[in-house]
Protein backbone atom coordinates (compact mmCIF):
# COMPACT_ATOMS: atom_id res chain seq x y z
CA MET A 1 -82.37 55.46 -53.15
CA THR A 2 -83.00 58.93 -52.57
CA ILE A 3 -82.89 61.52 -55.48
CA LYS A 4 -82.89 65.20 -55.03
CA LEU A 5 -81.02 66.83 -58.25
CA MET A 6 -81.69 65.58 -61.39
CA ALA A 7 -79.22 67.14 -64.16
CA VAL A 8 -79.53 66.68 -67.82
CA ASP A 9 -77.22 67.70 -70.60
CA MET A 10 -79.27 68.05 -73.71
CA ASP A 11 -77.67 67.73 -77.31
CA GLY A 12 -76.90 63.81 -77.53
CA THR A 13 -78.48 63.23 -74.29
CA PHE A 14 -82.20 64.74 -73.56
CA LEU A 15 -82.56 65.51 -77.01
CA ASN A 16 -82.57 62.80 -79.83
CA ARG A 17 -81.20 63.64 -83.36
CA GLN A 18 -84.16 65.52 -84.54
CA MET A 19 -83.24 67.76 -81.60
CA ASP A 20 -86.42 67.01 -79.65
CA TYR A 21 -87.79 64.52 -76.83
CA ASP A 22 -90.84 62.91 -76.16
CA ARG A 23 -92.71 65.87 -74.56
CA ILE A 24 -95.64 64.08 -73.57
CA ARG A 25 -93.91 61.15 -71.81
CA PHE A 26 -91.50 63.96 -69.81
CA ALA A 27 -94.24 66.00 -68.92
CA LYS A 28 -95.92 63.11 -67.06
CA GLN A 29 -92.71 62.49 -65.50
CA TYR A 30 -91.94 65.93 -64.68
CA VAL A 31 -95.34 65.86 -62.52
CA LYS A 32 -93.69 63.15 -60.34
CA LEU A 33 -90.56 64.96 -60.22
CA LYS A 34 -92.21 67.84 -58.53
CA GLU A 35 -94.33 65.59 -56.38
CA GLU A 36 -91.10 64.05 -54.67
CA GLY A 37 -89.23 67.29 -54.49
CA ILE A 38 -86.62 66.80 -56.94
CA HIS A 39 -84.93 69.61 -59.07
CA PHE A 40 -84.68 69.04 -62.48
CA VAL A 41 -81.63 70.92 -63.76
CA VAL A 42 -80.76 71.51 -67.56
CA ALA A 43 -77.10 71.40 -67.65
CA SER A 44 -75.83 72.29 -71.15
CA GLY A 45 -73.00 74.20 -73.04
CA ASN A 46 -75.88 75.87 -74.98
CA GLN A 47 -77.45 79.27 -74.53
CA TYR A 48 -80.05 79.74 -71.48
CA TYR A 49 -82.58 81.53 -74.27
CA GLN A 50 -82.33 78.19 -76.37
CA LEU A 51 -82.52 75.90 -73.53
CA LYS A 52 -85.55 77.23 -72.00
CA SER A 53 -87.45 77.27 -75.52
CA PHE A 54 -87.48 73.20 -75.16
CA PHE A 55 -89.68 73.18 -71.94
CA GLY A 56 -92.76 75.08 -73.24
CA ASP A 57 -95.19 75.89 -70.09
CA PHE A 58 -92.76 74.91 -67.28
CA GLN A 59 -89.71 76.39 -68.75
CA ASP A 60 -89.57 79.24 -66.05
CA GLU A 61 -89.98 76.61 -63.45
CA LEU A 62 -86.70 74.97 -64.25
CA THR A 63 -83.10 75.47 -63.19
CA TYR A 64 -80.78 75.93 -65.88
CA ILE A 65 -76.93 75.32 -66.03
CA SER A 66 -75.99 76.97 -69.30
CA GLU A 67 -72.85 77.80 -71.38
CA ASN A 68 -70.86 75.11 -69.46
CA GLY A 69 -71.68 76.44 -66.08
CA ALA A 70 -70.95 80.14 -66.95
CA LEU A 71 -74.38 81.16 -66.09
CA ILE A 72 -76.67 79.55 -63.83
CA ILE A 73 -80.51 80.59 -63.82
CA ASP A 74 -82.84 79.35 -61.36
CA ARG A 75 -86.61 79.73 -62.17
CA GLY A 76 -85.89 82.90 -64.17
CA THR A 77 -83.46 84.59 -61.45
CA GLU A 78 -79.74 84.60 -62.14
CA LEU A 79 -77.72 82.72 -59.33
CA PHE A 80 -74.31 82.84 -60.90
CA SER A 81 -72.22 84.10 -63.64
CA VAL A 82 -68.75 84.47 -64.80
CA GLU A 83 -67.42 87.00 -67.15
CA ILE A 84 -63.94 87.12 -69.25
CA PRO A 85 -62.54 90.45 -68.93
CA LYS A 86 -62.23 92.53 -72.31
CA CYS A 87 -58.58 92.37 -72.26
CA ASN A 88 -58.60 88.55 -72.02
CA VAL A 89 -61.45 88.49 -74.82
CA ARG A 90 -58.98 90.64 -77.27
CA MET A 91 -56.31 88.19 -76.78
CA ILE A 92 -58.20 84.76 -77.33
CA THR A 93 -60.11 86.04 -80.60
CA GLU A 94 -56.69 87.31 -81.79
CA GLU A 95 -55.26 83.60 -81.33
CA ILE A 96 -58.47 81.78 -82.66
CA SER A 97 -58.37 83.96 -85.64
CA LYS A 98 -55.00 82.30 -86.85
CA TYR A 99 -57.02 79.01 -87.48
CA PRO A 100 -59.29 79.49 -90.39
CA GLN A 101 -60.62 76.01 -89.76
CA LEU A 102 -62.56 77.46 -86.76
CA SER A 103 -65.79 79.00 -86.92
CA VAL A 104 -66.14 81.28 -83.64
CA VAL A 105 -69.29 82.18 -81.40
CA VAL A 106 -68.51 84.51 -78.81
CA CYS A 107 -71.45 84.00 -75.87
CA GLY A 108 -72.54 86.79 -73.99
CA LYS A 109 -75.22 87.09 -71.46
CA LYS A 110 -77.53 89.26 -73.76
CA SER A 111 -77.00 87.40 -76.86
CA ALA A 112 -74.20 85.10 -78.87
CA TYR A 113 -72.44 86.83 -81.71
CA MET A 114 -70.78 85.74 -84.98
CA LEU A 115 -68.89 88.06 -87.37
CA ASP A 116 -70.66 89.68 -90.49
CA SER A 117 -68.30 87.75 -92.74
CA VAL A 118 -69.65 84.44 -92.18
CA SER A 119 -71.86 82.70 -94.52
CA GLU A 120 -75.80 82.84 -94.40
CA GLU A 121 -75.70 79.08 -94.23
CA LEU A 122 -73.25 78.79 -91.19
CA PHE A 123 -75.38 81.40 -89.42
CA HIS A 124 -78.64 79.88 -89.79
CA LYS A 125 -76.89 76.49 -88.76
CA MET A 126 -75.94 78.23 -85.63
CA LYS A 127 -79.20 79.70 -84.85
CA LEU A 128 -80.30 76.29 -84.06
CA TYR A 129 -78.28 76.39 -81.15
CA TYR A 130 -78.37 80.11 -80.21
CA TYR A 131 -81.91 81.22 -79.72
CA ARG A 132 -80.37 85.05 -79.66
CA LEU A 133 -77.41 85.10 -82.28
CA ASN A 134 -76.39 88.82 -83.71
CA ARG A 135 -73.98 89.42 -86.36
CA VAL A 136 -71.27 91.98 -85.89
CA PRO A 137 -68.59 93.46 -87.90
CA THR A 138 -65.66 92.68 -85.20
CA PHE A 139 -65.88 91.12 -81.70
CA GLU A 140 -64.46 94.36 -80.39
CA VAL A 141 -67.79 96.08 -80.74
CA ILE A 142 -69.48 93.72 -78.54
CA GLU A 143 -70.73 95.43 -75.35
CA ASP A 144 -72.13 92.38 -73.19
CA GLN A 145 -70.58 89.96 -70.54
CA ILE A 146 -68.60 87.68 -72.10
CA LEU A 147 -69.41 84.06 -70.85
CA LYS A 148 -67.47 81.61 -73.12
CA PHE A 149 -66.51 80.87 -76.96
CA ALA A 150 -67.83 78.26 -78.86
CA LEU A 151 -65.80 77.02 -81.90
CA SER A 152 -66.83 74.80 -84.44
CA CYS A 153 -64.21 72.88 -86.42
CA PRO A 154 -63.56 69.69 -88.86
CA PRO A 155 -64.49 66.77 -86.67
CA HIS A 156 -61.18 64.99 -86.98
CA GLU A 157 -59.26 68.05 -86.43
CA THR A 158 -61.05 68.54 -82.87
CA GLU A 159 -58.56 67.15 -80.53
CA GLN A 160 -55.57 68.37 -82.34
CA LEU A 161 -57.15 71.79 -82.20
CA ARG A 162 -58.19 71.54 -78.90
CA SER A 163 -54.74 70.51 -77.68
CA LEU A 164 -53.15 73.36 -79.78
CA LEU A 165 -55.11 75.95 -77.82
CA MET A 166 -54.52 74.35 -74.67
CA SER A 167 -50.51 75.22 -75.38
CA LYS A 168 -51.87 78.61 -76.45
CA ILE A 169 -54.33 80.18 -74.08
CA ASN A 170 -55.08 77.65 -71.26
CA ASP A 171 -54.04 80.65 -68.57
CA LEU A 172 -56.90 82.49 -70.02
CA VAL A 173 -59.48 79.95 -70.83
CA THR A 174 -59.91 75.95 -70.57
CA PRO A 175 -60.50 74.41 -74.33
CA ILE A 176 -63.00 71.33 -73.68
CA SER A 177 -64.45 69.40 -76.31
CA SER A 178 -68.41 68.52 -76.03
CA GLY A 179 -68.04 66.36 -79.27
CA HIS A 180 -66.37 65.95 -82.29
CA GLY A 181 -66.43 69.37 -84.20
CA SER A 182 -67.09 71.30 -81.17
CA ILE A 183 -64.77 73.23 -78.50
CA ASP A 184 -65.52 75.44 -75.87
CA LEU A 185 -63.27 77.93 -74.15
CA ILE A 186 -64.45 78.24 -70.46
CA VAL A 187 -63.07 80.34 -67.72
CA PRO A 188 -60.90 77.74 -65.67
CA GLY A 189 -62.66 76.00 -62.69
CA PHE A 190 -66.24 76.82 -64.10
CA HIS A 191 -67.96 73.76 -65.51
CA LYS A 192 -71.43 72.04 -65.07
CA ALA A 193 -70.16 70.27 -61.82
CA SER A 194 -69.12 73.32 -60.11
CA GLY A 195 -72.86 74.74 -61.03
CA ILE A 196 -74.32 71.78 -59.48
CA GLN A 197 -72.12 72.26 -56.20
CA LEU A 198 -73.52 75.93 -56.03
CA LEU A 199 -76.90 74.40 -56.18
CA GLN A 200 -76.20 71.58 -53.92
CA GLU A 201 -75.16 74.65 -51.47
CA LYS A 202 -78.42 76.43 -51.99
CA TRP A 203 -80.80 73.38 -51.54
CA ASN A 204 -78.91 71.46 -48.92
CA ILE A 205 -78.35 68.37 -50.94
CA ASN A 206 -75.48 66.21 -50.91
CA ASP A 207 -73.64 64.27 -53.89
CA GLU A 208 -75.55 60.75 -53.05
CA GLN A 209 -78.74 62.43 -53.93
CA ILE A 210 -77.47 63.39 -57.33
CA MET A 211 -78.32 61.59 -60.93
CA ALA A 212 -76.78 63.24 -64.03
CA PHE A 213 -76.85 62.24 -67.74
CA GLY A 214 -74.26 63.30 -70.55
CA ASP A 215 -72.43 61.96 -73.57
CA GLY A 216 -69.55 64.52 -74.11
CA GLY A 217 -66.29 65.62 -73.02
CA ASN A 218 -68.05 68.72 -71.19
CA ASP A 219 -69.94 66.26 -69.20
CA ILE A 220 -67.17 64.38 -67.24
CA GLU A 221 -66.79 66.40 -64.40
CA MET A 222 -70.60 66.36 -63.60
CA ILE A 223 -70.99 62.50 -64.27
CA GLN A 224 -68.11 61.64 -61.89
CA HIS A 225 -69.41 64.04 -59.18
CA ALA A 226 -72.80 62.70 -59.35
CA LYS A 227 -73.58 59.55 -56.83
CA PHE A 228 -75.70 58.13 -60.06
CA GLY A 229 -73.42 59.23 -63.17
CA PHE A 230 -74.93 58.17 -66.49
CA ALA A 231 -73.03 57.97 -69.63
CA MET A 232 -75.44 57.60 -72.66
CA GLU A 233 -75.01 54.65 -74.87
CA ASN A 234 -74.22 57.02 -77.71
CA GLY A 235 -71.57 58.79 -76.06
CA SER A 236 -68.02 59.26 -76.18
CA ALA A 237 -65.41 56.74 -74.75
CA LYS A 238 -64.00 59.07 -72.39
CA VAL A 239 -67.42 59.64 -70.95
CA LYS A 240 -68.37 55.97 -70.63
CA GLU A 241 -65.00 55.39 -68.79
CA ALA A 242 -65.62 57.93 -66.45
CA ALA A 243 -69.21 57.11 -65.72
CA LYS A 244 -70.56 54.77 -63.20
CA TYR A 245 -73.77 53.69 -65.19
CA ILE A 246 -74.66 53.58 -68.92
CA ALA A 247 -78.29 54.80 -70.10
CA PRO A 248 -79.90 53.83 -73.45
CA SER A 249 -78.92 56.06 -76.31
CA ASN A 250 -80.65 59.27 -76.88
CA ASN A 251 -82.49 58.21 -79.73
CA HIS A 252 -84.20 55.40 -77.77
CA ASN A 253 -85.35 58.00 -75.07
CA GLY A 254 -82.51 57.02 -72.66
CA VAL A 255 -82.91 59.62 -70.22
CA LEU A 256 -86.72 58.88 -69.82
CA GLU A 257 -86.34 55.32 -69.86
CA VAL A 258 -84.08 55.80 -66.58
CA ILE A 259 -86.40 57.93 -65.07
CA ASP A 260 -89.36 55.62 -65.35
CA HIS A 261 -86.70 52.87 -63.95
CA PHE A 262 -86.39 55.12 -61.14
CA PHE A 263 -89.89 55.79 -60.41
CA ALA A 264 -90.96 52.03 -60.70
CA ARG A 265 -88.29 51.11 -57.97
CA LYS A 266 -86.87 48.45 -59.87
CA GLY A 267 -84.11 47.97 -57.84
CA PRO A 268 -80.61 49.44 -58.34
CA PHE A 269 -79.24 50.27 -61.76
CA LYS A 270 -76.49 48.36 -63.44
CA HIS A 271 -73.47 49.46 -62.11
CA LEU A 272 -70.15 49.46 -64.26
CA ASP A 273 -67.02 48.15 -62.80
CA ASN A 274 -64.30 50.77 -64.66
């Protein structure tokens, strides 16, 4: 088995419930990954600045598919970004403002944005996920390249609201769920798998040389695309249906366990007959 690209989602996958990971263990694995010429790619719906903050001394050595594929940074250099036109931003914000149960973060290249009207509690909660987050009086005053929208909602309403938004604005953005209570609005055709394909072209890597890990709906394309696509044990039913393999849960160092298994050359992973 030859692996040249290893892509990991973060929340619910690489990170445990404390929003952290075994840093000492992974640091040792990272040395081996580099020795074997394996690109370690962070593929997440989260903000680039937030993602890189997890990786300390080697954060600028990694590649990030951030904002669900809307912004790709390789070793500090931007390779790709999408832009939602201002006219579309206006139409999207007008539509989502009709649903008071939605909390909205507009994700730009320079920063993410929430309205002044949101509570301090919610603002500080979202700061856990957005290293750069600013308040604005209205979304119309934002001067930034808009990459996507991130919506929070009551978990039991996630699928209903996602379907409703699909019927209203699917020609402008694609609503996808990264987990209960979370909906991202992304540019159609651009997601984590499209980001990986761009990197494959750059690095001359084929599909059979990719390993990927995820737990949510926004990981499905990536997991299906990879030869070795792992759903986390804690992942959603839809992700598990899409995956060829299952990794232990994020709270049991699932990604690190699989990496160690790979380095130990213990033979093939357990395949799922879907």
